[in-house]
Protein backbone atom coordinates (compact mmCIF):
# COMPACT_ATOMS: atom_id res chain seq x y z
CA MET A 1 -0.06 0.05 -0.35
CA SER A 2 2.53 2.13 0.58
CA SER A 3 4.19 1.96 -2.88
CA ILE A 4 0.34 3.24 -3.97
CA GLN A 5 0.29 6.34 -1.83
CA SER A 6 4.02 6.92 -2.98
CA LEU A 7 2.27 6.75 -6.19
CA PHE A 8 -1.06 8.95 -5.72
CA ASP A 9 1.16 11.92 -4.04
CA LEU A 10 3.25 11.84 -7.08
CA LEU A 11 0.87 12.04 -9.22
CA LEU A 12 -1.23 14.10 -6.45
CA ASN A 13 1.48 17.14 -6.12
CA ALA A 14 2.37 17.17 -9.65
CA VAL A 15 -1.47 17.86 -11.26
CA LEU A 16 -1.17 20.74 -8.86
CA GLN A 17 2.35 21.97 -9.41
CA VAL A 18 2.45 21.30 -13.29
CA GLY A 19 -0.81 23.86 -13.34
CA PHE A 20 1.49 26.12 -11.36
CA PHE A 21 4.36 25.70 -13.04
CA ALA A 22 2.73 26.39 -16.60
CA ILE A 23 0.98 29.48 -15.69
CA VAL A 24 3.85 31.41 -14.14
CA ALA A 25 5.53 30.19 -18.03
CA ALA A 26 1.92 32.07 -19.07
CA ALA A 27 2.80 34.99 -17.33
CA PHE A 28 6.07 35.48 -18.04
CA SER A 29 5.49 34.47 -22.02
CA PRO A 30 4.96 38.29 -23.20
CA LEU A 31 8.49 39.15 -21.97
CA VAL A 32 10.03 35.93 -23.57
CA ALA A 33 8.60 36.38 -27.21
CA LYS A 34 11.20 39.30 -27.19
CA ALA A 35 14.25 37.35 -27.04
CA LYS A 36 15.99 35.45 -30.34
CA ALA A 37 13.86 32.62 -30.70
CA LYS A 38 16.12 29.96 -29.79
CA HIS A 39 16.24 31.03 -26.43
CA GLN A 40 12.64 31.11 -26.79
CA TYR A 41 13.01 27.78 -27.38
CA CYS A 42 15.25 27.45 -24.01
CA PHE A 43 13.45 28.70 -21.90
CA TYR A 44 10.01 26.67 -22.43
CA PHE A 45 12.13 23.32 -23.10
CA ALA A 46 13.63 24.20 -19.25
CA VAL A 47 10.34 25.10 -18.12
CA LEU A 48 9.01 21.43 -18.78
CA LEU A 49 11.91 19.71 -17.22
CA PHE A 50 11.39 21.64 -14.42
CA CYS A 51 8.09 20.83 -13.84
CA LEU A 52 8.18 17.10 -14.17
CA ALA A 53 11.07 17.02 -11.89
CA ALA A 54 10.01 19.13 -8.63
CA PRO A 55 6.82 16.93 -8.52
CA VAL A 56 9.12 14.36 -7.83
CA ALA A 57 11.75 16.31 -5.63
CA ASN A 58 8.64 17.47 -3.68
CA THR A 59 7.23 14.17 -3.15
CA PHE A 60 10.05 12.23 -2.30
CA TRP A 61 12.16 14.74 -0.82
CA HIS A 62 11.58 13.79 3.23
CA TRP A 63 14.22 13.07 4.97
CA PRO A 64 13.55 11.15 7.92
CA ALA A 65 15.16 12.60 11.11
CA PRO A 66 17.26 10.03 13.51
CA VAL A 67 15.66 8.97 16.69
CA ALA A 68 17.71 10.97 19.17
CA GLY A 69 16.18 12.18 21.94
CA ALA A 70 12.58 12.91 23.49
CA GLU A 71 12.61 16.67 22.62
CA SER A 72 12.99 16.49 18.89
CA HIS A 73 10.80 13.80 18.41
CA ASP A 74 8.19 15.41 20.32
CA GLN A 75 7.85 17.83 17.54
CA ASN A 76 8.49 15.85 14.63
CA SER A 77 6.10 12.95 15.91
CA SER A 78 2.70 15.64 15.42
CA ASN A 79 3.89 16.10 12.09
CA ALA A 80 4.59 12.76 10.93
CA GLY A 81 1.50 10.84 12.48
CA ALA A 82 -0.54 13.29 10.24
CA ALA A 83 1.33 13.67 7.31
CA ASN A 84 0.16 10.52 6.87
CA HIS A 85 -3.57 10.80 6.98
CA VAL A 86 -4.31 14.45 6.24
CA LEU A 87 -4.17 16.04 2.95
CA TRP A 88 -1.85 19.31 3.88
CA ILE A 89 -1.43 22.42 2.04
CA TRP A 90 1.74 24.39 4.64
CA GLN A 91 2.91 20.64 6.28
CA ALA A 92 5.12 22.94 8.63
CA HIS A 93 2.48 25.37 9.54
CA SER A 94 -0.79 22.86 9.67
CA ARG A 95 -0.99 20.99 12.33
CA SER A 96 -4.38 22.20 13.49
CA ASN A 97 -6.04 22.11 9.97
CA GLU A 98 -9.19 20.33 8.50
CA GLN A 99 -8.62 16.42 7.46
CA PHE A 100 -9.31 15.17 4.55
CA VAL A 101 -8.72 11.52 3.85
CA ILE A 102 -9.20 10.28 0.29
CA PRO A 103 -9.52 6.51 0.74
CA ALA A 104 -7.34 3.88 -0.69
CA THR A 105 -9.24 2.14 -2.59
CA LEU A 106 -10.01 6.06 -4.79
CA GLN A 107 -6.53 5.88 -5.16
CA THR A 108 -5.69 2.40 -6.30
CA TRP A 109 -8.82 3.44 -8.77
CA ILE A 110 -6.91 6.72 -9.47
CA ILE A 111 -3.67 5.54 -10.15
CA GLY A 112 -5.06 2.61 -12.19
CA ALA A 113 -6.51 5.06 -14.92
CA TRP A 114 -3.23 6.85 -14.38
CA ALA A 115 -1.53 4.25 -15.41
CA GLY A 116 -3.84 3.68 -18.34
CA LEU A 117 -3.58 6.65 -19.83
CA VAL A 118 0.23 6.85 -20.04
CA LEU A 119 0.25 2.94 -21.63
CA LEU A 120 -2.44 4.57 -23.96
CA ARG A 121 0.36 7.92 -24.93
CA LEU A 122 2.60 4.87 -24.82
CA VAL A 123 1.26 2.53 -27.75
CA ARG A 124 0.36 6.22 -29.49
CA PHE A 125 4.24 7.04 -29.77
CA SER A 126 5.47 3.55 -30.71
CA ARG A 127 2.93 3.27 -33.15
CA GLY A 128 3.92 7.11 -34.68
CA ILE A 129 8.02 5.44 -34.23
CA HIS A 130 6.59 2.63 -36.75
CA ARG A 131 5.13 4.61 -39.00
CA VAL A 132 7.76 7.15 -39.47
CA GLN A 133 9.71 3.85 -39.88
CA SER A 134 8.10 2.30 -42.47
CA VAL A 135 7.48 5.78 -44.80
CA ARG A 136 11.01 6.10 -44.28
CA ARG A 137 11.88 2.63 -45.73
CA GLU A 138 9.06 2.90 -48.32
CA ALA A 139 10.50 6.01 -49.53
CA ARG A 140 13.02 6.46 -52.54
CA ALA A 141 15.73 8.74 -53.29
CA PHE A 142 15.92 12.28 -54.19
CA SER A 143 18.65 13.15 -56.54
CA PHE A 144 20.88 15.98 -55.27
CA SER A 145 21.42 17.31 -58.95
CA ARG A 146 17.68 18.16 -59.29
CA LEU A 147 18.80 21.02 -57.10
CA GLY A 148 21.39 23.27 -58.57
CA MET A 149 22.49 25.63 -56.58
CA CYS A 150 20.63 24.05 -53.37
CA ASN A 151 23.27 21.82 -52.65
CA GLU A 152 25.59 24.34 -50.79
CA ILE A 153 22.56 23.68 -47.89
CA ILE A 154 23.86 20.57 -46.94
CA GLY A 155 27.28 20.83 -44.87
CA GLU A 156 28.91 18.47 -45.65
CA LYS A 157 29.94 17.12 -42.03
CA HIS A 158 26.66 15.95 -42.32
CA ARG A 159 25.37 12.53 -44.02
CA VAL A 160 22.06 13.78 -44.70
CA ALA A 161 19.67 11.59 -46.90
CA LEU A 162 17.24 12.95 -49.08
CA LEU A 163 14.38 11.05 -49.88
CA GLU A 164 10.50 11.34 -51.60
CA SER A 165 7.41 9.70 -50.21
CA THR A 166 3.86 9.66 -51.06
CA ASP A 167 2.49 8.95 -47.02
CA ILE A 168 3.18 12.32 -46.26
CA ASP A 169 2.19 15.76 -46.83
CA ASP A 170 4.58 17.90 -45.68
CA PRO A 171 8.14 17.66 -45.93
CA VAL A 172 9.61 16.15 -42.64
CA THR A 173 12.88 15.21 -40.76
CA VAL A 174 13.60 11.96 -38.89
CA GLY A 175 16.43 9.82 -37.86
CA LEU A 176 18.88 10.36 -35.10
CA LEU A 177 22.19 8.93 -36.28
CA HIS A 178 21.10 8.68 -39.70
CA PRO A 179 18.65 11.77 -40.20
CA ALA A 180 16.91 12.20 -43.65
CA ILE A 181 14.65 15.12 -45.02
CA LEU A 182 11.61 13.66 -46.53
CA LEU A 183 9.84 15.49 -49.09
CA PRO A 184 6.17 15.27 -50.02
CA SER A 185 5.72 13.42 -53.90
CA LYS A 186 2.52 14.74 -54.39
CA VAL A 187 3.63 18.52 -54.67
CA LEU A 188 7.31 17.85 -55.57
CA PRO A 189 6.71 18.59 -59.49
CA GLU A 190 5.41 22.17 -58.42
CA LEU A 191 8.61 23.09 -56.73
CA GLY A 192 11.10 25.16 -58.18
CA GLU A 193 14.34 25.71 -56.93
CA ARG A 194 13.45 28.83 -54.34
CA GLU A 195 10.66 26.49 -52.35
CA LEU A 196 13.31 23.33 -52.63
CA SER A 197 16.15 25.93 -50.72
CA ALA A 198 13.11 26.94 -48.42
CA ILE A 199 12.40 23.09 -47.51
CA LEU A 200 16.08 22.39 -46.91
CA ALA A 201 17.19 25.07 -45.14
CA HIS A 202 14.52 24.99 -42.65
CA GLU A 203 15.14 21.01 -42.52
CA TYR A 204 18.50 21.46 -42.00
CA ALA A 205 18.34 23.40 -38.96
CA HIS A 206 16.35 21.08 -37.31
CA ILE A 207 19.14 18.57 -38.32
CA ARG A 208 21.87 20.90 -37.08
CA ARG A 209 20.27 21.45 -33.39
CA LYS A 210 19.42 18.19 -33.36
CA ASP A 211 15.84 18.77 -32.55
CA PHE A 212 14.56 15.35 -33.60
CA LEU A 213 16.78 14.11 -30.68
CA SER A 214 15.41 16.97 -28.53
CA HIS A 215 11.84 15.88 -29.91
CA ILE A 216 12.03 12.54 -28.95
CA LEU A 217 13.18 13.15 -25.43
CA VAL A 218 10.49 15.64 -24.63
CA GLU A 219 7.57 13.11 -26.01
CA LEU A 220 9.41 10.27 -23.47
CA ILE A 221 9.92 12.37 -20.48
CA SER A 222 6.17 14.01 -21.20
CA LEU A 223 4.38 10.24 -20.69
CA PRO A 224 3.60 10.17 -17.93
CA MET A 225 1.70 14.00 -17.30
CA ALA A 226 0.84 14.12 -21.37
CA TRP A 227 -2.37 14.46 -20.81
CA HIS A 228 -2.31 17.57 -18.73
CA PRO A 229 -3.76 21.30 -19.68
CA GLY A 230 -0.10 22.50 -18.09
CA VAL A 231 2.10 19.69 -20.61
CA VAL A 232 0.30 21.00 -23.47
CA TYR A 233 0.77 24.32 -23.69
CA LEU A 234 4.24 23.70 -22.89
CA MET A 235 5.02 20.88 -25.27
CA SER A 236 3.08 23.79 -27.86
CA LYS A 237 5.08 26.34 -27.15
CA ILE A 238 8.45 24.30 -27.84
CA SER A 239 7.15 23.26 -31.02
CA GLN A 240 6.25 27.02 -31.74
CA THR A 241 9.50 28.29 -30.96
CA ARG A 242 11.50 25.31 -32.67
CA GLU A 243 10.05 26.36 -35.49
CA LEU A 244 10.26 29.70 -35.13
CA ALA A 245 14.75 29.13 -34.50
CA CYS A 246 14.47 26.89 -37.63
CA ASP A 247 13.01 30.01 -39.27
CA ASP A 248 15.26 32.56 -38.33
CA ASP A 249 18.28 29.53 -39.15
CA ALA A 250 17.13 29.28 -42.66
CA ALA A 251 16.31 33.14 -43.76
CA GLY A 252 20.14 33.66 -42.25
CA ARG A 253 20.84 30.93 -44.47
CA LEU A 254 19.22 32.04 -47.65
CA GLY A 255 19.97 36.02 -47.00
CA LYS A 256 16.57 36.92 -47.55
CA ARG A 257 14.01 36.77 -44.96
CA ARG A 258 10.90 38.34 -46.92
CA SER A 259 11.67 35.56 -50.18
CA TYR A 260 12.36 32.64 -47.31
CA ALA A 261 8.32 33.94 -46.35
CA ASN A 262 7.18 34.41 -49.17
CA THR A 263 7.89 30.55 -50.14
CA LEU A 264 6.79 29.46 -46.87
CA LEU A 265 3.22 31.07 -47.68
CA HIS A 266 3.19 29.46 -51.20
CA LEU A 267 4.43 25.96 -49.82
CA ALA A 268 1.74 25.85 -47.48
CA SER A 269 -0.67 26.43 -49.97
CA LEU A 270 0.32 23.30 -51.65
CA CYS A 271 0.35 21.08 -48.88
CA LEU A 272 -3.71 21.45 -48.61
CA ARG A 273 -4.10 19.18 -45.76
CA VAL A 274 -3.57 19.99 -42.49
CA PRO A 275 0.11 18.76 -41.67
CA ARG A 276 -0.16 15.81 -39.21
CA ALA A 277 1.68 15.77 -36.00
CA SER A 278 3.91 12.93 -35.85
CA ALA A 279 5.20 11.48 -32.77
CA ALA A 280 8.68 10.97 -34.63
CA GLY A 281 8.95 13.48 -37.13
CA LEU A 282 9.57 17.62 -37.69
CA GLY A 283 7.41 18.71 -39.98
CA ILE A 284 8.25 22.51 -41.68
CA PHE A 285 4.76 22.88 -40.34
CA ASN A 286 4.84 21.62 -36.73
CA GLY A 287 3.68 24.41 -34.21
CA ASP A 288 0.49 25.27 -36.09
CA ASN A 289 1.75 28.93 -36.14
CA LEU A 290 2.11 29.75 -39.81
CA GLU A 291 0.73 33.29 -38.99
CA VAL A 292 3.07 33.95 -36.07
CA ARG A 293 6.05 32.50 -37.95
CA ILE A 294 5.12 34.79 -41.23
CA MET A 295 5.08 38.38 -39.22
CA MET A 296 8.15 37.00 -37.63
CA LEU A 297 9.90 37.12 -40.57
CA THR A 298 8.15 40.26 -42.32
CA GLU A 299 8.26 42.24 -39.83
CA LYS A 300 10.67 44.30 -38.48
CA THR A 301 10.97 43.45 -33.96
CA ARG A 302 13.46 44.27 -31.67
CA SER A 303 14.72 41.59 -30.44
CA LEU A 304 16.26 41.83 -26.46
CA SER A 305 20.01 42.91 -26.02
CA ARG A 306 22.52 40.55 -24.58
CA ALA A 307 22.25 42.06 -21.19
CA GLY A 308 18.51 42.29 -21.17
CA ALA A 309 18.28 38.45 -21.87
CA ILE A 310 20.48 37.97 -19.37
CA GLY A 311 18.14 40.39 -16.90
CA LEU A 312 15.60 37.77 -18.34
CA ALA A 313 17.38 34.84 -17.51
CA LEU A 314 17.86 36.02 -13.93
CA LEU A 315 14.05 37.61 -13.18
CA THR A 316 12.85 34.54 -14.54
CA GLY A 317 15.14 31.71 -12.83
CA SER A 318 14.72 33.79 -9.48
CA ALA A 319 10.54 33.87 -10.01
CA PHE A 320 10.70 29.93 -10.42
CA GLY A 321 13.37 29.64 -7.71
CA VAL A 322 10.71 30.92 -5.96
CA GLY A 323 8.12 28.79 -7.23
CA ALA A 324 10.11 26.30 -6.20
CA VAL A 325 10.37 27.26 -2.60
CA LEU A 326 6.73 27.43 -2.69
CA ALA A 327 5.52 24.25 -4.08
CA HIS A 328 7.94 22.07 -1.64
CA ALA A 329 5.75 23.93 0.97
CA MET A 330 2.83 22.79 -0.24
CA SER A 331 3.12 19.26 -1.33
CA LEU A 332 0.90 17.34 -0.21
CA GLN A 333 0.46 13.69 1.21
CA ALA A 334 -2.79 11.84 1.74
CA GLY A 335 -2.64 8.17 2.68
CA SER A 336 -4.96 6.22 3.25
CA ALA A 337 -8.07 7.06 5.92
CA PRO A 338 -6.29 5.36 9.45
CA THR A 339 -8.75 4.19 12.01
CA ASN A 340 -8.82 6.85 15.37
CA ALA A 341 -7.07 4.62 17.20
CA THR A 342 -3.76 4.64 14.57
CA GLY A 343 -2.81 8.62 14.72
CA LYS A 344 -3.44 8.34 18.73
CA PHE A 345 -0.43 5.92 18.77
CA ALA A 346 1.74 8.42 17.84
CA GLY A 347 3.68 10.62 20.52
CA THR A 348 6.24 10.46 23.53
CA TRP A 349 4.59 8.13 26.47
CA HIS A 350 6.18 7.36 29.91
CA TRP A 351 5.70 3.96 31.08
CA MET A 352 4.62 4.69 34.86
CA PHE A 353 5.39 2.61 38.22
CA GLU A 354 4.33 3.99 41.45
CA GLY A 355 3.62 7.56 39.53
CA ARG A 356 6.74 8.06 38.29
CA SER A 357 8.11 7.56 34.50
CA PHE A 358 10.95 4.39 34.26
CA SER A 359 10.95 4.53 30.20
CA THR A 360 10.40 7.01 27.70
CA MET A 361 8.63 5.55 24.67
CA ILE A 362 8.38 8.04 21.04
CA LEU A 363 6.41 6.52 17.89
CA VAL A 364 6.26 8.40 15.12
CA GLN A 365 4.06 7.61 12.18
CA THR A 366 4.25 7.05 8.87
CA LYS A 367 3.28 5.90 5.98
CA SER A 368 4.65 2.45 6.23
CA GLY A 369 3.46 1.86 10.01
CA PHE A 370 5.71 3.64 12.76
CA ARG A 371 9.27 4.46 14.10
CA GLY A 372 10.56 5.02 16.77
CA SER A 373 12.42 4.13 19.97
CA VAL A 374 12.30 3.10 23.78
CA THR A 375 14.51 3.39 26.88
CA PRO A 376 15.58 0.63 28.81
CA SER A 377 14.29 -0.52 31.73
CA ARG A 378 14.71 -3.37 34.49
CA ILE A 379 11.40 -4.74 36.27
CA SER A 380 10.59 -7.19 38.59
CA LEU A 381 7.47 -8.77 39.17
CA ASP A 382 5.52 -10.63 42.34
CA ASN A 383 3.47 -14.05 42.61
CA ASP A 384 0.29 -12.10 41.97
CA GLY A 385 1.84 -10.93 38.19
CA GLY A 386 1.98 -7.04 39.61
CA LEU A 387 5.36 -4.58 39.31
CA THR A 388 7.20 -4.32 42.67
CA GLN A 389 10.38 -2.65 41.09
CA ALA A 390 10.39 -0.89 37.79
CA ASP A 391 14.17 1.81 37.28
CA PRO A 392 15.72 2.56 34.80
CA SER A 393 18.43 0.46 33.15
CA GLU A 394 21.83 2.19 33.46
CA ASP A 395 22.49 2.37 29.82
CA SER A 396 20.15 4.31 28.89
CA THR A 397 20.68 4.93 25.14
CA PRO A 398 17.28 4.58 23.63
CA GLU A 399 16.52 1.20 21.70
CA ARG A 400 15.23 1.54 17.63
CA ILE A 401 11.81 0.30 17.06
CA THR A 402 12.23 -2.12 14.44
CA LYS A 403 8.89 -2.87 13.67
CA ALA A 404 5.51 -1.86 14.80
CA THR A 405 2.23 -2.57 13.08
CA VAL A 406 -1.58 -2.60 14.55
CA GLU A 407 -3.49 -5.74 14.66
CA GLY A 408 -6.91 -4.33 15.53
CA SER A 409 -6.98 -1.36 18.19
CA ALA A 410 -3.14 -2.69 19.20
CA LEU A 411 0.21 -1.96 18.08
CA ARG A 412 2.65 -4.35 18.07
CA VAL A 413 6.04 -3.10 18.94
CA THR A 414 8.95 -5.19 18.38
CA ILE A 415 12.58 -4.04 19.17
CA ASP A 416 16.00 -5.61 18.12
CA ASP A 417 19.42 -4.71 19.59
CA GLY A 418 21.14 -7.56 17.99
CA SER A 419 20.96 -10.13 20.95
CA SER A 420 17.68 -11.42 21.38
CA PRO A 421 14.51 -9.17 19.67
CA PHE A 422 11.59 -7.84 22.88
CA GLU A 423 8.08 -7.62 21.44
CA PHE A 424 5.27 -6.02 23.37
CA THR A 425 1.88 -4.46 22.09
CA VAL A 426 0.16 -1.14 23.26
CA THR A 427 -3.56 -0.55 24.12
CA LEU A 428 -5.09 2.23 24.41
CA LYS A 429 -7.29 3.28 26.71
CA ASP A 430 -8.18 6.77 26.04
CA ASP A 431 -6.04 9.66 24.30
CA THR A 432 -3.78 9.98 26.76
CA HIS A 433 -3.68 6.25 28.56
CA ALA A 434 -2.47 3.22 27.72
CA GLU A 435 -1.88 -0.50 28.82
CA ILE A 436 1.73 -2.23 27.54
CA HIS A 437 1.71 -5.96 27.21
CA PRO A 438 5.11 -7.68 26.73
CA ALA A 439 5.18 -10.46 24.72
CA GLY A 440 6.48 -13.85 26.62
CA ALA A 441 5.52 -12.72 30.31
CA PRO A 442 4.08 -14.92 32.94
CA ALA A 443 0.15 -14.97 31.85
CA ASN A 444 -1.21 -13.28 35.67
CA MET A 445 1.13 -10.51 34.40
CA LYS A 446 -0.74 -6.92 35.16
CA PRO A 447 -0.42 -4.25 32.16
CA ILE A 448 2.58 -2.13 32.81
CA GLN A 449 0.22 1.50 32.57
CA ALA A 450 1.47 4.26 30.40
CA GLU A 451 1.06 7.94 30.31
CA LYS A 452 1.28 10.64 26.80
CA VAL A 453 2.67 13.32 27.54
CA HIS A 454 2.90 14.47 23.30
């Protein structure tokens, strides 16, 4: 059950925190739009990675403090005990918040539905890769000799295959180690040297930037949260800014931005169908932002200076840093609903004899049960099973509780100091009083009385 709870906590934090960081990114988008296209791309790519990593860190970055003394445990026991079954918003400052319990069965169903969505997305991704591989295998070579001066666009250090296919509607780039540019056979007869030059320059920009590798990486790491509106937004911005960056690269290589923009419009009119967003291919019209691309190419806009870009980077970095701290403070934990008695075991207990304490037991509730310690003691019994003597041992070093499980209305505790394990059960009488029943004790032994002090 602890693994289900951990997954549920992770999913819960991801749903809220991914949305939070996506909103922050959207708030900065007007400023980011003034930066160069390649810097915009880096910004949204980094935000997506941050969005996916933050919930993981905030969910599992809760290191338990070692069992040292009663004072530190007194403070931690109430926090740790409550975090297992309370939906906390401010974990460090919400001890009196209202409890919101999510049943374990509901958690399991939600995790199952989420796993189904991930599996469906993975199947679609795999089918996309298979389809792209099939299209590449069935494509035929396109001779560079038909391109005239366009041969100069492809750098000598990149071995790029130029293919034509009847199965695609617009030019695409595929391949990691051996990249290929695929041209649609249905529009090739209508393309002149200028259009072919624009296509090659744009697709070659994808190859030079290693966009195909980053595209596959983004698709894979976003699989668990691909359905989240925040991830959809960031993926869209990554796709759009990637095309803008390639347009800048291609227009700079060709030397005429307005001519390149006119060529894009002509190509769009030839590719009558709306381009498909392939899971493993980068098309010249990916991003669904042709109007913005044309405006960026034709209108004179002033990009941020180097100092402005650095200032924007510092500003956004600071904002997301503060956001990360807030997200960690607001990270949620929701475990299965325990019985009222389970939560009441947590705390500091004194084992009592004749009005004085002879042993201190500290119980801290965790997701998997309880942890804590018990200080050693020495006891003596009379023939009737009653205590005649109970004193702390000479060595007062607390012994660690190695196992504590709830059995009905009692808590069975095991202490293993390496020589011989000692077991006992704790039975609650009320919120602050309990009875201790050592295992293996005489049948007529009367229970040891315990009082909860914290």
